[in-house]
Amino acid sequence: MSILSARDSVLHLFKKDENFSDSIFDAFLTLMLVVFMGVPVLAWIDTPKFVQYLHKWEKFQVGNNSSSYNSVTIEYNYI
C-alpha cells in the first residue's frame, strides 16, 4: 500500500494540471514515506557502531572510577 501511495504521489508531482496545494501534499507524502522507510535501515546499519561506543564508554567510566577511588587516601593526624 505504501509503494502504491508513493508511486501515485510521485506521478501527481509531474502532472501539469494539478493545483499547488495538491502538489505540496504529494511532495510531503513522498518525503514522509522515504523517511519512514529510510530511517530504520540507516539505524540498523549504525547500531553496531553505537553499541561499540557504549562498551568503550563503560570501560572508560569503570576505569576512571576505580583508579580515582584507590588513589585517594585521607589521613587524620591527631596529636
PDB file of N, CA and C in Angstrom:
ATOM      1  N   MET A   1       0.832  -1.193   0.000  1.00  0.00           N
ATOM      2  CA  MET A   1       0.000   0.000   0.000  1.00  0.00           C
ATOM      3  C   MET A   1       0.874   1.253   0.000  1.00  0.00           C
ATOM      4  N   SER A   2       1.956   1.228   0.775  1.00  0.00           N
ATOM      5  CA  SER A   2       2.845   2.392   0.816  1.00  0.00           C
ATOM      6  C   SER A   2       3.509   2.634  -0.529  1.00  0.00           C
ATOM      7  N   ILE A   3       3.896   1.559  -1.199  1.00  0.00           N
ATOM      8  CA  ILE A   3       4.542   1.700  -2.508  1.00  0.00           C
ATOM      9  C   ILE A   3       3.568   2.281  -3.517  1.00  0.00           C
ATOM     10  N   LEU A   4       2.311   1.839  -3.483  1.00  0.00           N
ATOM     11  CA  LEU A   4       1.313   2.387  -4.406  1.00  0.00           C
ATOM     12  C   LEU A   4       1.044   3.863  -4.112  1.00  0.00           C
ATOM     13  N   SER A   5       0.979   4.231  -2.853  1.00  0.00           N
ATOM     14  CA  SER A   5       0.761   5.638  -2.494  1.00  0.00           C
ATOM     15  C   SER A   5       1.936   6.502  -2.923  1.00  0.00           C
ATOM     16  N   ALA A   6       3.144   5.992  -2.722  1.00  0.00           N
ATOM     17  CA  ALA A   6       4.327   6.745  -3.142  1.00  0.00           C
ATOM     18  C   ALA A   6       4.361   6.893  -4.655  1.00  0.00           C
ATOM     19  N   ARG A   7       4.024   5.839  -5.374  1.00  0.00           N
ATOM     20  CA  ARG A   7       4.013   5.909  -6.837  1.00  0.00           C
ATOM     21  C   ARG A   7       2.987   6.922  -7.326  1.00  0.00           C
ATOM     22  N   ASP A   8       1.792   6.896  -6.741  1.00  0.00           N
ATOM     23  CA  ASP A   8       0.756   7.850  -7.148  1.00  0.00           C
ATOM     24  C   ASP A   8       1.148   9.283  -6.813  1.00  0.00           C
ATOM     25  N   SER A   9       1.753   9.495  -5.652  1.00  0.00           N
ATOM     26  CA  SER A   9       2.131  10.865  -5.289  1.00  0.00           C
ATOM     27  C   SER A   9       3.254  11.387  -6.171  1.00  0.00           C
ATOM     28  N   VAL A  10       4.191  10.521  -6.563  1.00  0.00           N
ATOM     29  CA  VAL A  10       5.257  10.951  -7.461  1.00  0.00           C
ATOM     30  C   VAL A  10       4.690  11.254  -8.846  1.00  0.00           C
ATOM     31  N   LEU A  11       3.763  10.429  -9.316  1.00  0.00           N
ATOM     32  CA  LEU A  11       3.150  10.685 -10.620  1.00  0.00           C
ATOM     33  C   LEU A  11       2.351  11.983 -10.616  1.00  0.00           C
ATOM     34  N   HIS A  12       1.682  12.294  -9.504  1.00  0.00           N
ATOM     35  CA  HIS A  12       0.926  13.548  -9.414  1.00  0.00           C
ATOM     36  C   HIS A  12       1.846  14.763  -9.420  1.00  0.00           C
ATOM     37  N   LEU A  13       3.071  14.600  -8.917  1.00  0.00           N
ATOM     38  CA  LEU A  13       4.004  15.732  -8.909  1.00  0.00           C
ATOM     39  C   LEU A  13       4.380  16.180 -10.316  1.00  0.00           C
ATOM     40  N   PHE A  14       4.387  15.258 -11.266  1.00  0.00           N
ATOM     41  CA  PHE A  14       4.815  15.591 -12.622  1.00  0.00           C
ATOM     42  C   PHE A  14       3.669  15.991 -13.546  1.00  0.00           C
ATOM     43  N   LYS A  15       2.448  16.014 -13.067  1.00  0.00           N
ATOM     44  CA  LYS A  15       1.323  16.463 -13.882  1.00  0.00           C
ATOM     45  C   LYS A  15       1.272  17.979 -13.889  1.00  0.00           C
ATOM     46  N   LYS A  16       0.932  18.540 -15.006  1.00  0.00           N
ATOM     47  CA  LYS A  16       0.883  19.999 -15.141  1.00  0.00           C
ATOM     48  C   LYS A  16      -0.445  20.581 -14.688  1.00  0.00           C
ATOM     49  N   ASP A  17      -1.513  19.801 -14.659  1.00  0.00           N
ATOM     50  CA  ASP A  17      -2.834  20.346 -14.363  1.00  0.00           C
ATOM     51  C   ASP A  17      -3.184  20.325 -12.872  1.00  0.00           C
ATOM     52  N   GLU A  18      -2.284  19.895 -12.032  1.00  0.00           N
ATOM     53  CA  GLU A  18      -2.548  19.854 -10.592  1.00  0.00           C
ATOM     54  C   GLU A  18      -2.429  21.258  -9.991  1.00  0.00           C
ATOM     55  N   ASN A  19      -3.191  21.501  -8.948  1.00  0.00           N
ATOM     56  CA  ASN A  19      -3.044  22.789  -8.262  1.00  0.00           C
ATOM     57  C   ASN A  19      -1.913  22.697  -7.233  1.00  0.00           C
ATOM     58  N   PHE A  20      -1.554  23.833  -6.698  1.00  0.00           N
ATOM     59  CA  PHE A  20      -0.370  23.931  -5.838  1.00  0.00           C
ATOM     60  C   PHE A  20      -0.530  23.150  -4.534  1.00  0.00           C
ATOM     61  N   SER A  21      -1.706  23.202  -3.916  1.00  0.00           N
ATOM     62  CA  SER A  21      -1.902  22.514  -2.635  1.00  0.00           C
ATOM     63  C   SER A  21      -1.805  20.995  -2.795  1.00  0.00           C
ATOM     64  N   ASP A  22      -2.310  20.455  -3.904  1.00  0.00           N
ATOM     65  CA  ASP A  22      -2.168  19.013  -4.131  1.00  0.00           C
ATOM     66  C   ASP A  22      -0.709  18.631  -4.345  1.00  0.00           C
ATOM     67  N   SER A  23       0.048  19.487  -5.025  1.00  0.00           N
ATOM     68  CA  SER A  23       1.471  19.211  -5.242  1.00  0.00           C
ATOM     69  C   SER A  23       2.237  19.208  -3.925  1.00  0.00           C
ATOM     70  N   ILE A  24       1.923  20.153  -3.044  1.00  0.00           N
ATOM     71  CA  ILE A  24       2.572  20.210  -1.731  1.00  0.00           C
ATOM     72  C   ILE A  24       2.224  18.956  -0.927  1.00  0.00           C
ATOM     73  N   PHE A  25       0.954  18.569  -0.926  1.00  0.00           N
ATOM     74  CA  PHE A  25       0.535  17.370  -0.195  1.00  0.00           C
ATOM     75  C   PHE A  25       1.264  16.133  -0.721  1.00  0.00           C
ATOM     76  N   ASP A  26       1.350  15.995  -2.044  1.00  0.00           N
ATOM     77  CA  ASP A  26       2.024  14.834  -2.624  1.00  0.00           C
ATOM     78  C   ASP A  26       3.528  14.838  -2.321  1.00  0.00           C
ATOM     79  N   ALA A  27       4.133  16.010  -2.316  1.00  0.00           N
ATOM     80  CA  ALA A  27       5.561  16.090  -2.004  1.00  0.00           C
ATOM     81  C   ALA A  27       5.821  15.693  -0.549  1.00  0.00           C
ATOM     82  N   PHE A  28       4.976  16.158   0.368  1.00  0.00           N
ATOM     83  CA  PHE A  28       5.139  15.793   1.780  1.00  0.00           C
ATOM     84  C   PHE A  28       4.866  14.305   2.008  1.00  0.00           C
ATOM     85  N   LEU A  29       3.902  13.754   1.284  1.00  0.00           N
ATOM     86  CA  LEU A  29       3.626  12.326   1.411  1.00  0.00           C
ATOM     87  C   LEU A  29       4.818  11.506   0.938  1.00  0.00           C
ATOM     88  N   THR A  30       5.400  11.911  -0.177  1.00  0.00           N
ATOM     89  CA  THR A  30       6.572  11.208  -0.690  1.00  0.00           C
ATOM     90  C   THR A  30       7.742  11.321   0.281  1.00  0.00           C
ATOM     91  N   LEU A  31       7.976  12.504   0.802  1.00  0.00           N
ATOM     92  CA  LEU A  31       9.050  12.707   1.770  1.00  0.00           C
ATOM     93  C   LEU A  31       8.827  11.871   3.027  1.00  0.00           C
ATOM     94  N   MET A  32       7.598  11.832   3.520  1.00  0.00           N
ATOM     95  CA  MET A  32       7.294  11.060   4.715  1.00  0.00           C
ATOM     96  C   MET A  32       7.545   9.571   4.483  1.00  0.00           C
ATOM     97  N   LEU A  33       7.134   9.063   3.327  1.00  0.00           N
ATOM     98  CA  LEU A  33       7.334   7.643   3.048  1.00  0.00           C
ATOM     99  C   LEU A  33       8.811   7.300   2.904  1.00  0.00           C
ATOM    100  N   VAL A  34       9.585   8.191   2.299  1.00  0.00           N
ATOM    101  CA  VAL A  34      11.019   7.947   2.150  1.00  0.00           C
ATOM    102  C   VAL A  34      11.703   7.949   3.511  1.00  0.00           C
ATOM    103  N   VAL A  35      11.336   8.905   4.352  1.00  0.00           N
ATOM    104  CA  VAL A  35      11.943   8.994   5.681  1.00  0.00           C
ATOM    105  C   VAL A  35      11.567   7.779   6.533  1.00  0.00           C
ATOM    106  N   PHE A  36      10.303   7.395   6.505  1.00  0.00           N
ATOM    107  CA  PHE A  36       9.866   6.267   7.322  1.00  0.00           C
ATOM    108  C   PHE A  36      10.449   4.949   6.858  1.00  0.00           C
ATOM    109  N   MET A  37      10.813   4.846   5.586  1.00  0.00           N
ATOM    110  CA  MET A  37      11.452   3.619   5.112  1.00  0.00           C
ATOM    111  C   MET A  37      12.968   3.686   5.254  1.00  0.00           C
ATOM    112  N   GLY A  38      13.548   4.878   5.246  1.00  0.00           N
ATOM    113  CA  GLY A  38      14.994   5.016   5.290  1.00  0.00           C
ATOM    114  C   GLY A  38      15.582   5.021   6.682  1.00  0.00           C
ATOM    115  N   VAL A  39      14.898   5.605   7.626  1.00  0.00           N
ATOM    116  CA  VAL A  39      15.441   5.743   8.982  1.00  0.00           C
ATOM    117  C   VAL A  39      15.678   4.392   9.656  1.00  0.00           C
ATOM    118  N   PRO A  40      14.755   3.445   9.614  1.00  0.00           N
ATOM    119  CA  PRO A  40      15.052   2.150  10.255  1.00  0.00           C
ATOM    120  C   PRO A  40      16.235   1.426   9.622  1.00  0.00           C
ATOM    121  N   VAL A  41      16.381   1.520   8.314  1.00  0.00           N
ATOM    122  CA  VAL A  41      17.500   0.861   7.645  1.00  0.00           C
ATOM    123  C   VAL A  41      18.819   1.504   8.065  1.00  0.00           C
ATOM    124  N   LEU A  42      18.856   2.830   8.091  1.00  0.00           N
ATOM    125  CA  LEU A  42      20.082   3.518   8.496  1.00  0.00           C
ATOM    126  C   LEU A  42      20.404   3.277   9.970  1.00  0.00           C
ATOM    127  N   ALA A  43      19.375   3.214  10.809  1.00  0.00           N
ATOM    128  CA  ALA A  43      19.606   2.929  12.231  1.00  0.00           C
ATOM    129  C   ALA A  43      20.120   1.502  12.418  1.00  0.00           C
ATOM    130  N   TRP A  44      19.614   0.569  11.637  1.00  0.00           N
ATOM    131  CA  TRP A  44      20.060  -0.818  11.722  1.00  0.00           C
ATOM    132  C   TRP A  44      21.527  -0.941  11.307  1.00  0.00           C
ATOM    133  N   ILE A  45      21.931  -0.161  10.313  1.00  0.00           N
ATOM    134  CA  ILE A  45      23.323  -0.187   9.864  1.00  0.00           C
ATOM    135  C   ILE A  45      24.245   0.418  10.927  1.00  0.00           C
ATOM    136  N   ASP A  46      23.796   1.458  11.608  1.00  0.00           N
ATOM    137  CA  ASP A  46      24.645   2.190  12.546  1.00  0.00           C
ATOM    138  C   ASP A  46      24.600   1.634  13.969  1.00  0.00           C
ATOM    139  N   THR A  47      23.715   0.716  14.275  1.00  0.00           N
ATOM    140  CA  THR A  47      23.569   0.197  15.635  1.00  0.00           C
ATOM    141  C   THR A  47      24.831  -0.480  16.169  1.00  0.00           C
ATOM    142  N   PRO A  48      25.547  -1.320  15.407  1.00  0.00           N
ATOM    143  CA  PRO A  48      26.771  -1.925  15.957  1.00  0.00           C
ATOM    144  C   PRO A  48      27.824  -0.896  16.368  1.00  0.00           C
ATOM    145  N   LYS A  49      27.945   0.191  15.631  1.00  0.00           N
ATOM    146  CA  LYS A  49      28.898   1.235  16.000  1.00  0.00           C
ATOM    147  C   LYS A  49      28.495   1.894  17.318  1.00  0.00           C
ATOM    148  N   PHE A  50      27.194   2.100  17.518  1.00  0.00           N
ATOM    149  CA  PHE A  50      26.723   2.721  18.748  1.00  0.00           C
ATOM    150  C   PHE A  50      26.927   1.802  19.949  1.00  0.00           C
ATOM    151  N   VAL A  51      26.697   0.513  19.770  1.00  0.00           N
ATOM    152  CA  VAL A  51      26.915  -0.451  20.858  1.00  0.00           C
ATOM    153  C   VAL A  51      28.394  -0.503  21.217  1.00  0.00           C
ATOM    154  N   GLN A  52      29.256  -0.480  20.214  1.00  0.00           N
ATOM    155  CA  GLN A  52      30.702  -0.476  20.461  1.00  0.00           C
ATOM    156  C   GLN A  52      31.100   0.783  21.225  1.00  0.00           C
ATOM    157  N   TYR A  53      30.531   1.919  20.871  1.00  0.00           N
ATOM    158  CA  TYR A  53      30.804   3.166  21.586  1.00  0.00           C
ATOM    159  C   TYR A  53      30.367   3.071  23.046  1.00  0.00           C
ATOM    160  N   LEU A  54      29.192   2.493  23.295  1.00  0.00           N
ATOM    161  CA  LEU A  54      28.717   2.362  24.679  1.00  0.00           C
ATOM    162  C   LEU A  54      29.621   1.440  25.495  1.00  0.00           C
ATOM    163  N   HIS A  55      30.125   0.369  24.884  1.00  0.00           N
ATOM    164  CA  HIS A  55      31.045  -0.522  25.607  1.00  0.00           C
ATOM    165  C   HIS A  55      32.353   0.194  25.942  1.00  0.00           C
ATOM    166  N   LYS A  56      32.853   0.975  25.001  1.00  0.00           N
ATOM    167  CA  LYS A  56      34.079   1.739  25.277  1.00  0.00           C
ATOM    168  C   LYS A  56      33.838   2.779  26.367  1.00  0.00           C
ATOM    169  N   TRP A  57      32.658   3.407  26.349  1.00  0.00           N
ATOM    170  CA  TRP A  57      32.342   4.406  27.367  1.00  0.00           C
ATOM    171  C   TRP A  57      32.230   3.752  28.742  1.00  0.00           C
ATOM    172  N   GLU A  58      31.648   2.550  28.796  1.00  0.00           N
ATOM    173  CA  GLU A  58      31.539   1.846  30.067  1.00  0.00           C
ATOM    174  C   GLU A  58      32.919   1.495  30.619  1.00  0.00           C
ATOM    175  N   LYS A  59      33.812   1.033  29.766  1.00  0.00           N
ATOM    176  CA  LYS A  59      35.176   0.727  30.213  1.00  0.00           C
ATOM    177  C   LYS A  59      35.882   1.977  30.696  1.00  0.00           C
ATOM    178  N   PHE A  60      35.664   3.095  30.020  1.00  0.00           N
ATOM    179  CA  PHE A  60      36.260   4.360  30.427  1.00  0.00           C
ATOM    180  C   PHE A  60      35.747   4.794  31.795  1.00  0.00           C
ATOM    181  N   GLN A  61      34.451   4.688  31.999  1.00  0.00           N
ATOM    182  CA  GLN A  61      33.859   5.099  33.274  1.00  0.00           C
ATOM    183  C   GLN A  61      34.323   4.202  34.415  1.00  0.00           C
ATOM    184  N   VAL A  62      34.330   2.905  34.198  1.00  0.00           N
ATOM    185  CA  VAL A  62      34.743   1.971  35.242  1.00  0.00           C
ATOM    186  C   VAL A  62      36.226   2.146  35.539  1.00  0.00           C
ATOM    187  N   GLY A  63      37.037   2.325  34.522  1.00  0.00           N
ATOM    188  CA  GLY A  63      38.473   2.510  34.725  1.00  0.00           C
ATOM    189  C   GLY A  63      38.788   3.777  35.485  1.00  0.00           C
ATOM    190  N   ASN A  64      38.116   4.859  35.192  1.00  0.00           N
ATOM    191  CA  ASN A  64      38.364   6.120  35.889  1.00  0.00           C
ATOM    192  C   ASN A  64      37.844   6.090  37.313  1.00  0.00           C
ATOM    193  N   ASN A  65      36.708   5.484  37.528  1.00  0.00           N
ATOM    194  CA  ASN A  65      36.145   5.453  38.880  1.00  0.00           C
ATOM    195  C   ASN A  65      36.973   4.582  39.813  1.00  0.00           C
ATOM    196  N   SER A  66      37.404   3.446  39.342  1.00  0.00           N
ATOM    197  CA  SER A  66      38.140   2.554  40.241  1.00  0.00           C
ATOM    198  C   SER A  66      39.524   3.109  40.557  1.00  0.00           C
ATOM    199  N   SER A  67      40.188   3.735  39.591  1.00  0.00           N
ATOM    200  CA  SER A  67      41.519   4.253  39.859  1.00  0.00           C
ATOM    201  C   SER A  67      41.469   5.481  40.760  1.00  0.00           C
ATOM    202  N   SER A  68      40.454   6.306  40.641  1.00  0.00           N
ATOM    203  CA  SER A  68      40.387   7.509  41.476  1.00  0.00           C
ATOM    204  C   SER A  68      40.043   7.153  42.919  1.00  0.00           C
ATOM    205  N   TYR A  69      39.221   6.123  43.113  1.00  0.00           N
ATOM    206  CA  TYR A  69      38.893   5.731  44.478  1.00  0.00           C
ATOM    207  C   TYR A  69      40.077   5.053  45.169  1.00  0.00           C
ATOM    208  N   ASN A  70      40.875   4.324  44.447  1.00  0.00           N
ATOM    209  CA  ASN A  70      42.002   3.628  45.050  1.00  0.00           C
ATOM    210  C   ASN A  70      43.151   4.579  45.376  1.00  0.00           C
ATOM    211  N   SER A  71      43.277   5.669  44.621  1.00  0.00           N
ATOM    212  CA  SER A  71      44.422   6.539  44.841  1.00  0.00           C
ATOM    213  C   SER A  71      44.152   7.635  45.873  1.00  0.00           C
ATOM    214  N   VAL A  72      42.927   7.864  46.255  1.00  0.00           N
ATOM    215  CA  VAL A  72      42.592   8.920  47.203  1.00  0.00           C
ATOM    216  C   VAL A  72      42.620   8.326  48.616  1.00  0.00           C
ATOM    217  N   THR A  73      43.470   8.890  49.469  1.00  0.00           N
ATOM    218  CA  THR A  73      43.505   8.481  50.873  1.00  0.00           C
ATOM    219  C   THR A  73      43.448   9.727  51.735  1.00  0.00           C
ATOM    220  N   ILE A  74      42.750   9.602  52.826  1.00  0.00           N
ATOM    221  CA  ILE A  74      42.635  10.717  53.756  1.00  0.00           C
ATOM    222  C   ILE A  74      43.292  10.294  55.068  1.00  0.00           C
ATOM    223  N   GLU A  75      44.222  11.104  55.521  1.00  0.00           N
ATOM    224  CA  GLU A  75      44.904  10.797  56.764  1.00  0.00           C
ATOM    225  C   GLU A  75      44.572  11.868  57.790  1.00  0.00           C
ATOM    226  N   TYR A  76      44.228  11.407  58.969  1.00  0.00           N
ATOM    227  CA  TYR A  76      43.980  12.317  60.073  1.00  0.00           C
ATOM    228  C   TYR A  76      45.117  12.153  61.077  1.00  0.00           C
ATOM    229  N   ASN A  77      45.769  13.219  61.374  1.00  0.00           N
ATOM    230  CA  ASN A  77      46.859  13.190  62.377  1.00  0.00           C
ATOM    231  C   ASN A  77      46.374  13.920  63.617  1.00  0.00           C
ATOM    232  N   TYR A  78      45.938  13.159  64.573  1.00  0.00           N
ATOM    233  CA  TYR A  78      45.504  13.737  65.850  1.00  0.00           C
ATOM    234  C   TYR A  78      46.648  13.658  66.840  1.00  0.00           C
ATOM    235  N   ILE A  79      46.911  14.715  67.489  1.00  0.00           N
ATOM    236  CA  ILE A  79      48.007  14.730  68.477  1.00  0.00           C
ATOM    237  C   ILE A  79      47.452  14.575  69.858  1.00  0.00           C
TER     238      ILE A  79
END
